[in-house]
């Protein structure tokens, strides 16, 4: 990515570009650059993998801009289909490997804002992912992982499906903490699913202990039921297994 490539966009026609540099922390699916101007800073995401069609990418932008209005995401300015890139506002903040109680509370506050966003989308069926991996991954370990995951889905069906807009990829690299606020980035997997998928993702990605999980659930629900704890346990297994299979599939 060169400055000359960026200058072609009307957003930067009358702006002086001070610096364009590749970021130290990179995601699996994107190459990330920081673009600095005297007025504002921007993030450029160049997509490494094409996960979805153009319509899905448009849905991603629509969702992210809805989240921007809730103050939990960066504003999208440019989506260039031909160059497979997106340009957004640069969000100040830090990634964290471990969470303190105040971080969990900030994270839940942003998560509830996300889950309150209304959008007309079909419910994403995670079972389909496991069925697809069943066709793709034939090794013994993968077969066992898929089998145990499908058992967890049968347990989950006992509980009410709590449909919300989920980020669906709340790993450590996709959450920025700035003072008392949590901001979410990289919205390409956002979809409608059960709220427990996002909650389970946070538990696994940050390796929360039992006490921290209790804080997470109490902050989110206020009154926690036994079924919530059991449901979370099943979704934690599903998320863990899904992550293992996803990384395995990238090697294919």
C-alpha atoms as a PDB file:
ATOM      1  CA  UNK A   1       0.000   0.000   0.000  1.00  0.00           C
ATOM      2  CA  UNK A   2       1.466   3.336  -1.129  1.00  0.00           C
ATOM      3  CA  UNK A   3       0.397   6.965  -0.473  1.00  0.00           C
ATOM      4  CA  UNK A   4      -0.217   7.433  -4.213  1.00  0.00           C
ATOM      5  CA  UNK A   5      -2.894   4.705  -4.057  1.00  0.00           C
ATOM      6  CA  UNK A   6      -4.644   6.471  -1.192  1.00  0.00           C
ATOM      7  CA  UNK A   7      -4.561   9.925  -2.794  1.00  0.00           C
ATOM      8  CA  UNK A   8      -6.949   8.797  -5.543  1.00  0.00           C
ATOM      9  CA  UNK A   9      -9.862   8.729  -3.094  1.00  0.00           C
ATOM     10  CA  UNK A  10     -11.871  11.971  -2.900  1.00  0.00           C
ATOM     11  CA  UNK A  11     -11.725  11.795   0.914  1.00  0.00           C
ATOM     12  CA  UNK A  12      -8.015  12.675   0.703  1.00  0.00           C
ATOM     13  CA  UNK A  13      -8.015  15.030  -2.284  1.00  0.00           C
ATOM     14  CA  UNK A  14      -7.513  18.161  -0.194  1.00  0.00           C
ATOM     15  CA  UNK A  15      -5.731  16.558   2.739  1.00  0.00           C
ATOM     16  CA  UNK A  16      -2.021  16.349   3.349  1.00  0.00           C
ATOM     17  CA  UNK A  17      -0.933  12.814   4.155  1.00  0.00           C
ATOM     18  CA  UNK A  18       1.754  12.833   6.823  1.00  0.00           C
ATOM     19  CA  UNK A  19       2.437   9.129   7.109  1.00  0.00           C
ATOM     20  CA  UNK A  20       1.205   5.726   5.974  1.00  0.00           C
ATOM     21  CA  UNK A  21       2.569   2.787   7.921  1.00  0.00           C
ATOM     22  CA  UNK A  22       1.739  -0.857   8.380  1.00  0.00           C
ATOM     23  CA  UNK A  23       0.672  -1.633  11.950  1.00  0.00           C
ATOM     24  CA  UNK A  24       2.638  -3.924  14.225  1.00  0.00           C
ATOM     25  CA  UNK A  25      -0.451  -5.847  15.382  1.00  0.00           C
ATOM     26  CA  UNK A  26      -2.024  -7.633  12.419  1.00  0.00           C
ATOM     27  CA  UNK A  27      -5.181  -9.718  12.161  1.00  0.00           C
ATOM     28  CA  UNK A  28      -5.460 -13.094  10.477  1.00  0.00           C
ATOM     29  CA  UNK A  29      -7.815 -11.844   7.771  1.00  0.00           C
ATOM     30  CA  UNK A  30      -6.588  -8.287   7.106  1.00  0.00           C
ATOM     31  CA  UNK A  31      -3.434  -6.284   6.513  1.00  0.00           C
ATOM     32  CA  UNK A  32      -3.772  -3.107   8.581  1.00  0.00           C
ATOM     33  CA  UNK A  33      -2.309   0.344   7.899  1.00  0.00           C
ATOM     34  CA  UNK A  34      -2.512   3.606   9.829  1.00  0.00           C
ATOM     35  CA  UNK A  35      -2.902   6.735   7.719  1.00  0.00           C
ATOM     36  CA  UNK A  36      -2.088  10.062   9.389  1.00  0.00           C
ATOM     37  CA  UNK A  37      -3.260  13.497   8.239  1.00  0.00           C
ATOM     38  CA  UNK A  38      -3.045  16.828  10.113  1.00  0.00           C
ATOM     39  CA  UNK A  39      -6.784  16.628  10.867  1.00  0.00           C
ATOM     40  CA  UNK A  40      -7.614  12.962  11.448  1.00  0.00           C
ATOM     41  CA  UNK A  41      -6.106   9.498  11.451  1.00  0.00           C
ATOM     42  CA  UNK A  42      -7.544   6.545   9.542  1.00  0.00           C
ATOM     43  CA  UNK A  43      -7.220   2.781   9.494  1.00  0.00           C
ATOM     44  CA  UNK A  44      -6.972   0.947   6.173  1.00  0.00           C
ATOM     45  CA  UNK A  45      -7.991  -2.721   6.130  1.00  0.00           C
ATOM     46  CA  UNK A  46      -6.802  -4.654   3.101  1.00  0.00           C
ATOM     47  CA  UNK A  47      -8.635  -7.971   3.029  1.00  0.00           C
ATOM     48  CA  UNK A  48      -6.391 -11.046   2.829  1.00  0.00           C
ATOM     49  CA  UNK A  49      -9.227 -13.549   2.621  1.00  0.00           C
ATOM     50  CA  UNK A  50     -12.536 -13.212   0.826  1.00  0.00           C
ATOM     51  CA  UNK A  51     -15.063 -14.686   3.248  1.00  0.00           C
ATOM     52  CA  UNK A  52     -18.227 -13.448   1.631  1.00  0.00           C
ATOM     53  CA  UNK A  53     -19.781 -11.926  -1.438  1.00  0.00           C
ATOM     54  CA  UNK A  54     -20.054  -8.192  -2.097  1.00  0.00           C
ATOM     55  CA  UNK A  55     -23.543  -8.006  -0.595  1.00  0.00           C
ATOM     56  CA  UNK A  56     -22.256  -9.497   2.653  1.00  0.00           C
ATOM     57  CA  UNK A  57     -19.485  -6.917   2.731  1.00  0.00           C
ATOM     58  CA  UNK A  58     -22.109  -4.167   2.273  1.00  0.00           C
ATOM     59  CA  UNK A  59     -24.019  -5.645   5.208  1.00  0.00           C
ATOM     60  CA  UNK A  60     -20.832  -5.518   7.269  1.00  0.00           C
ATOM     61  CA  UNK A  61     -20.456  -1.802   6.550  1.00  0.00           C
ATOM     62  CA  UNK A  62     -24.119  -1.153   7.320  1.00  0.00           C
ATOM     63  CA  UNK A  63     -23.763  -2.950  10.660  1.00  0.00           C
ATOM     64  CA  UNK A  64     -20.509  -1.178  11.554  1.00  0.00           C
ATOM     65  CA  UNK A  65     -21.996   2.249  10.854  1.00  0.00           C
ATOM     66  CA  UNK A  66     -24.994   1.388  13.032  1.00  0.00           C
ATOM     67  CA  UNK A  67     -22.521   0.460  15.765  1.00  0.00           C
ATOM     68  CA  UNK A  68     -20.668   3.740  15.140  1.00  0.00           C
ATOM     69  CA  UNK A  69     -23.866   5.612  15.988  1.00  0.00           C
ATOM     70  CA  UNK A  70     -23.880   3.710  19.298  1.00  0.00           C
ATOM     71  CA  UNK A  71     -20.293   4.888  19.916  1.00  0.00           C
ATOM     72  CA  UNK A  72     -18.873   1.342  19.880  1.00  0.00           C
ATOM     73  CA  UNK A  73     -17.236   1.274  16.428  1.00  0.00           C
ATOM     74  CA  UNK A  74     -15.299   3.385  13.949  1.00  0.00           C
ATOM     75  CA  UNK A  75     -17.075   5.142  11.093  1.00  0.00           C
ATOM     76  CA  UNK A  76     -16.587   3.574   7.648  1.00  0.00           C
ATOM     77  CA  UNK A  77     -15.678   6.132   4.960  1.00  0.00           C
ATOM     78  CA  UNK A  78     -14.651   4.026   1.973  1.00  0.00           C
ATOM     79  CA  UNK A  79     -15.251   0.500   0.732  1.00  0.00           C
ATOM     80  CA  UNK A  80     -13.368  -0.245  -2.467  1.00  0.00           C
ATOM     81  CA  UNK A  81     -14.568  -3.551  -3.929  1.00  0.00           C
ATOM     82  CA  UNK A  82     -11.910  -3.631  -6.646  1.00  0.00           C
ATOM     83  CA  UNK A  83      -9.027  -3.093  -4.229  1.00  0.00           C
ATOM     84  CA  UNK A  84     -10.639  -5.243  -1.513  1.00  0.00           C
ATOM     85  CA  UNK A  85     -10.125  -2.631   1.161  1.00  0.00           C
ATOM     86  CA  UNK A  86     -11.985  -0.509   3.665  1.00  0.00           C
ATOM     87  CA  UNK A  87     -11.010   2.852   5.180  1.00  0.00           C
ATOM     88  CA  UNK A  88     -12.367   3.825   8.607  1.00  0.00           C
ATOM     89  CA  UNK A  89     -11.625   6.343  11.315  1.00  0.00           C
ATOM     90  CA  UNK A  90      -8.662   5.341  13.461  1.00  0.00           C
ATOM     91  CA  UNK A  91      -9.801   4.499  16.991  1.00  0.00           C
ATOM     92  CA  UNK A  92      -7.443   5.199  19.872  1.00  0.00           C
ATOM     93  CA  UNK A  93      -7.204   2.460  22.448  1.00  0.00           C
ATOM     94  CA  UNK A  94      -5.295  -0.542  23.766  1.00  0.00           C
ATOM     95  CA  UNK A  95      -5.700  -4.266  23.316  1.00  0.00           C
ATOM     96  CA  UNK A  96      -5.649  -6.207  26.577  1.00  0.00           C
ATOM     97  CA  UNK A  97      -4.675  -9.792  27.299  1.00  0.00           C
ATOM     98  CA  UNK A  98      -6.198  -9.826  30.781  1.00  0.00           C
ATOM     99  CA  UNK A  99      -9.245  -8.032  32.107  1.00  0.00           C
ATOM    100  CA  UNK A 100      -9.793  -6.287  35.416  1.00  0.00           C
ATOM    101  CA  UNK A 101     -13.282  -5.904  36.863  1.00  0.00           C
ATOM    102  CA  UNK A 102     -13.596  -2.378  35.446  1.00  0.00           C
ATOM    103  CA  UNK A 103     -12.651  -3.711  31.986  1.00  0.00           C
ATOM    104  CA  UNK A 104     -15.330  -6.401  32.159  1.00  0.00           C
ATOM    105  CA  UNK A 105     -17.929  -3.794  33.105  1.00  0.00           C
ATOM    106  CA  UNK A 106     -16.881  -1.516  30.219  1.00  0.00           C
ATOM    107  CA  UNK A 107     -16.960  -4.441  27.832  1.00  0.00           C
ATOM    108  CA  UNK A 108     -20.437  -5.516  28.914  1.00  0.00           C
ATOM    109  CA  UNK A 109     -21.725  -1.955  28.578  1.00  0.00           C
ATOM    110  CA  UNK A 110     -20.569  -1.845  24.939  1.00  0.00           C
ATOM    111  CA  UNK A 111     -21.784  -5.374  24.292  1.00  0.00           C
ATOM    112  CA  UNK A 112     -25.296  -4.512  25.458  1.00  0.00           C
ATOM    113  CA  UNK A 113     -25.314  -1.509  23.109  1.00  0.00           C
ATOM    114  CA  UNK A 114     -24.358  -3.834  20.269  1.00  0.00           C
ATOM    115  CA  UNK A 115     -26.988  -6.402  21.182  1.00  0.00           C
ATOM    116  CA  UNK A 116     -29.642  -3.664  21.262  1.00  0.00           C
ATOM    117  CA  UNK A 117     -29.063  -2.736  17.597  1.00  0.00           C
ATOM    118  CA  UNK A 118     -32.048  -3.689  15.458  1.00  0.00           C
ATOM    119  CA  UNK A 119     -31.355  -5.194  12.059  1.00  0.00           C
ATOM    120  CA  UNK A 120     -33.303  -7.362   9.626  1.00  0.00           C
ATOM    121  CA  UNK A 121     -31.042 -10.321   8.971  1.00  0.00           C
ATOM    122  CA  UNK A 122     -31.541 -14.074   8.945  1.00  0.00           C
ATOM    123  CA  UNK A 123     -30.311 -15.954  11.983  1.00  0.00           C
ATOM    124  CA  UNK A 124     -26.861 -17.420  11.440  1.00  0.00           C
ATOM    125  CA  UNK A 125     -26.795 -21.186  11.984  1.00  0.00           C
ATOM    126  CA  UNK A 126     -23.476 -22.237  13.470  1.00  0.00           C
ATOM    127  CA  UNK A 127     -24.408 -25.902  13.060  1.00  0.00           C
ATOM    128  CA  UNK A 128     -23.893 -25.393   9.332  1.00  0.00           C
ATOM    129  CA  UNK A 129     -20.263 -24.429   9.958  1.00  0.00           C
ATOM    130  CA  UNK A 130     -19.620 -27.719  11.716  1.00  0.00           C
ATOM    131  CA  UNK A 131     -21.369 -29.658   8.952  1.00  0.00           C
ATOM    132  CA  UNK A 132     -19.174 -27.894   6.387  1.00  0.00           C
ATOM    133  CA  UNK A 133     -16.037 -28.697   8.380  1.00  0.00           C
ATOM    134  CA  UNK A 134     -17.213 -32.302   8.500  1.00  0.00           C
ATOM    135  CA  UNK A 135     -16.895 -32.408   4.702  1.00  0.00           C
ATOM    136  CA  UNK A 136     -13.577 -30.539   4.648  1.00  0.00           C
ATOM    137  CA  UNK A 137     -11.636 -31.942   7.616  1.00  0.00           C
ATOM    138  CA  UNK A 138     -11.303 -35.711   7.672  1.00  0.00           C
ATOM    139  CA  UNK A 139      -8.635 -36.198  10.349  1.00  0.00           C
ATOM    140  CA  UNK A 140      -9.471 -38.049  13.570  1.00  0.00           C
ATOM    141  CA  UNK A 141      -9.150 -34.995  15.845  1.00  0.00           C
ATOM    142  CA  UNK A 142     -11.495 -32.895  13.699  1.00  0.00           C
ATOM    143  CA  UNK A 143     -14.100 -35.646  13.572  1.00  0.00           C
ATOM    144  CA  UNK A 144     -14.068 -35.918  17.375  1.00  0.00           C
ATOM    145  CA  UNK A 145     -14.329 -32.129  17.788  1.00  0.00           C
ATOM    146  CA  UNK A 146     -17.295 -31.962  15.410  1.00  0.00           C
ATOM    147  CA  UNK A 147     -19.023 -34.863  17.162  1.00  0.00           C
ATOM    148  CA  UNK A 148     -18.663 -33.286  20.626  1.00  0.00           C
ATOM    149  CA  UNK A 149     -19.840 -29.905  19.285  1.00  0.00           C
ATOM    150  CA  UNK A 150     -23.032 -31.346  17.830  1.00  0.00           C
ATOM    151  CA  UNK A 151     -23.764 -32.843  21.263  1.00  0.00           C
ATOM    152  CA  UNK A 152     -23.526 -29.360  22.781  1.00  0.00           C
ATOM    153  CA  UNK A 153     -26.035 -28.054  20.231  1.00  0.00           C
ATOM    154  CA  UNK A 154     -28.544 -30.636  21.430  1.00  0.00           C
ATOM    155  CA  UNK A 155     -28.064 -29.311  24.990  1.00  0.00           C
ATOM    156  CA  UNK A 156     -28.486 -25.692  23.888  1.00  0.00           C
ATOM    157  CA  UNK A 157     -31.823 -26.462  22.246  1.00  0.00           C
ATOM    158  CA  UNK A 158     -33.252 -26.919  25.757  1.00  0.00           C
ATOM    159  CA  UNK A 159     -32.815 -23.199  26.378  1.00  0.00           C
ATOM    160  CA  UNK A 160     -34.518 -20.161  24.883  1.00  0.00           C
ATOM    161  CA  UNK A 161     -32.793 -18.778  21.775  1.00  0.00           C
ATOM    162  CA  UNK A 162     -31.970 -15.128  22.602  1.00  0.00           C
ATOM    163  CA  UNK A 163     -31.625 -13.505  19.188  1.00  0.00           C
ATOM    164  CA  UNK A 164     -29.446 -10.372  18.919  1.00  0.00           C
ATOM    165  CA  UNK A 165     -26.963  -8.781  16.558  1.00  0.00           C
ATOM    166  CA  UNK A 166     -23.618 -10.374  17.487  1.00  0.00           C
ATOM    167  CA  UNK A 167     -20.114  -9.243  16.611  1.00  0.00           C
ATOM    168  CA  UNK A 168     -19.215 -12.943  16.339  1.00  0.00           C
ATOM    169  CA  UNK A 169     -15.455 -12.408  16.507  1.00  0.00           C
ATOM    170  CA  UNK A 170     -14.687 -10.737  19.834  1.00  0.00           C
ATOM    171  CA  UNK A 171     -11.098 -11.903  20.128  1.00  0.00           C
ATOM    172  CA  UNK A 172      -8.499  -9.752  21.914  1.00  0.00           C
ATOM    173  CA  UNK A 173      -7.372  -8.082  18.675  1.00  0.00           C
ATOM    174  CA  UNK A 174     -10.910  -6.896  17.891  1.00  0.00           C
ATOM    175  CA  UNK A 175     -11.520  -5.020  21.153  1.00  0.00           C
ATOM    176  CA  UNK A 176      -9.921  -1.692  22.041  1.00  0.00           C
ATOM    177  CA  UNK A 177     -10.113  -0.197  25.515  1.00  0.00           C
ATOM    178  CA  UNK A 178      -9.991   3.584  25.888  1.00  0.00           C
ATOM    179  CA  UNK A 179     -10.509   4.893  29.429  1.00  0.00           C
ATOM    180  CA  UNK A 180     -13.889   3.486  30.494  1.00  0.00           C
ATOM    181  CA  UNK A 181     -15.044   2.486  27.036  1.00  0.00           C
ATOM    182  CA  UNK A 182     -14.671  -0.621  24.865  1.00  0.00           C
ATOM    183  CA  UNK A 183     -14.686  -0.257  21.081  1.00  0.00           C
ATOM    184  CA  UNK A 184     -15.157  -3.148  18.644  1.00  0.00           C
ATOM    185  CA  UNK A 185     -13.310  -3.423  15.328  1.00  0.00           C
ATOM    186  CA  UNK A 186     -13.310  -5.840  12.337  1.00  0.00           C
ATOM    187  CA  UNK A 187     -17.010  -6.477  11.819  1.00  0.00           C
ATOM    188  CA  UNK A 188     -16.804  -8.917   8.900  1.00  0.00           C
ATOM    189  CA  UNK A 189     -18.372 -11.831  10.797  1.00  0.00           C
ATOM    190  CA  UNK A 190     -21.174  -9.796  12.449  1.00  0.00           C
ATOM    191  CA  UNK A 191     -24.514 -11.585  12.237  1.00  0.00           C
ATOM    192  CA  UNK A 192     -27.723 -12.370  14.090  1.00  0.00           C
ATOM    193  CA  UNK A 193     -27.226 -15.135  16.634  1.00  0.00           C
ATOM    194  CA  UNK A 194     -27.767 -15.991  20.296  1.00  0.00           C
ATOM    195  CA  UNK A 195     -26.221 -13.395  22.637  1.00  0.00           C
ATOM    196  CA  UNK A 196     -24.418 -16.199  24.468  1.00  0.00           C
ATOM    197  CA  UNK A 197     -22.061 -16.681  21.529  1.00  0.00           C
ATOM    198  CA  UNK A 198     -20.478 -13.260  22.140  1.00  0.00           C
ATOM    199  CA  UNK A 199     -20.454 -13.814  25.903  1.00  0.00           C
ATOM    200  CA  UNK A 200     -18.764 -17.202  25.519  1.00  0.00           C
ATOM    201  CA  UNK A 201     -16.206 -15.731  23.114  1.00  0.00           C
ATOM    202  CA  UNK A 202     -15.159 -13.160  25.718  1.00  0.00           C
ATOM    203  CA  UNK A 203     -14.845 -15.846  28.403  1.00  0.00           C
ATOM    204  CA  UNK A 204     -12.573 -18.002  26.233  1.00  0.00           C
ATOM    205  CA  UNK A 205     -10.511 -15.267  24.586  1.00  0.00           C
ATOM    206  CA  UNK A 206      -9.662 -13.588  27.886  1.00  0.00           C
ATOM    207  CA  UNK A 207      -9.462 -16.845  29.843  1.00  0.00           C
ATOM    208  CA  UNK A 208     -11.885 -15.572  32.479  1.00  0.00           C
ATOM    209  CA  UNK A 209     -11.986 -17.456  35.755  1.00  0.00           C
ATOM    210  CA  UNK A 210     -15.219 -18.423  37.530  1.00  0.00           C
ATOM    211  CA  UNK A 211     -15.323 -15.198  39.544  1.00  0.00           C
ATOM    212  CA  UNK A 212     -14.840 -13.081  36.412  1.00  0.00           C
ATOM    213  CA  UNK A 213     -17.522 -15.028  34.541  1.00  0.00           C
ATOM    214  CA  UNK A 214     -19.916 -14.301  37.411  1.00  0.00           C
ATOM    215  CA  UNK A 215     -19.135 -10.585  37.110  1.00  0.00           C
ATOM    216  CA  UNK A 216     -19.683 -10.757  33.344  1.00  0.00           C
ATOM    217  CA  UNK A 217     -23.067 -12.449  33.659  1.00  0.00           C
ATOM    218  CA  UNK A 218     -24.282 -10.303  36.569  1.00  0.00           C
ATOM    219  CA  UNK A 219     -23.329  -7.113  34.775  1.00  0.00           C
ATOM    220  CA  UNK A 220     -25.097  -8.303  31.627  1.00  0.00           C
ATOM    221  CA  UNK A 221     -28.238  -9.912  33.110  1.00  0.00           C
ATOM    222  CA  UNK A 222     -28.350  -8.446  36.660  1.00  0.00           C
ATOM    223  CA  UNK A 223     -30.166 -11.589  37.785  1.00  0.00           C
ATOM    224  CA  UNK A 224     -28.353 -14.749  36.664  1.00  0.00           C
ATOM    225  CA  UNK A 225     -30.210 -18.070  36.343  1.00  0.00           C
ATOM    226  CA  UNK A 226     -28.705 -21.557  36.581  1.00  0.00           C
ATOM    227  CA  UNK A 227     -29.711 -22.103  32.970  1.00  0.00           C
ATOM    228  CA  UNK A 228     -27.581 -19.085  31.962  1.00  0.00           C
ATOM    229  CA  UNK A 229     -24.490 -20.700  33.490  1.00  0.00           C
ATOM    230  CA  UNK A 230     -25.167 -24.026  31.753  1.00  0.00           C
ATOM    231  CA  UNK A 231     -25.918 -22.364  28.450  1.00  0.00           C
ATOM    232  CA  UNK A 232     -22.709 -20.341  28.671  1.00  0.00           C
ATOM    233  CA  UNK A 233     -20.722 -23.525  29.351  1.00  0.00           C
ATOM    234  CA  UNK A 234     -22.063 -25.133  26.172  1.00  0.00           C
ATOM    235  CA  UNK A 235     -21.379 -22.067  24.051  1.00  0.00           C
ATOM    236  CA  UNK A 236     -17.821 -21.911  25.433  1.00  0.00           C
ATOM    237  CA  UNK A 237     -17.222 -25.437  24.135  1.00  0.00           C
ATOM    238  CA  UNK A 238     -18.789 -24.589  20.775  1.00  0.00           C
ATOM    239  CA  UNK A 239     -16.719 -21.425  20.377  1.00  0.00           C
ATOM    240  CA  UNK A 240     -13.483 -23.195  21.338  1.00  0.00           C
ATOM    241  CA  UNK A 241     -14.144 -26.019  18.895  1.00  0.00           C
ATOM    242  CA  UNK A 242     -15.192 -23.654  16.125  1.00  0.00           C
ATOM    243  CA  UNK A 243     -11.928 -21.708  16.522  1.00  0.00           C
ATOM    244  CA  UNK A 244      -9.830 -24.872  16.336  1.00  0.00           C
ATOM    245  CA  UNK A 245     -11.583 -26.023  13.176  1.00  0.00           C
ATOM    246  CA  UNK A 246     -11.393 -22.589  11.566  1.00  0.00           C
ATOM    247  CA  UNK A 247      -7.615 -22.407  11.982  1.00  0.00           C
ATOM    248  CA  UNK A 248      -7.315 -25.966  10.707  1.00  0.00           C
ATOM    249  CA  UNK A 249      -9.321 -25.053   7.612  1.00  0.00           C
ATOM    250  CA  UNK A 250      -6.944 -22.144   6.798  1.00  0.00           C
ATOM    251  CA  UNK A 251      -4.147 -24.679   6.304  1.00  0.00           C
ATOM    252  CA  UNK A 252      -6.127 -26.522   3.663  1.00  0.00           C
END
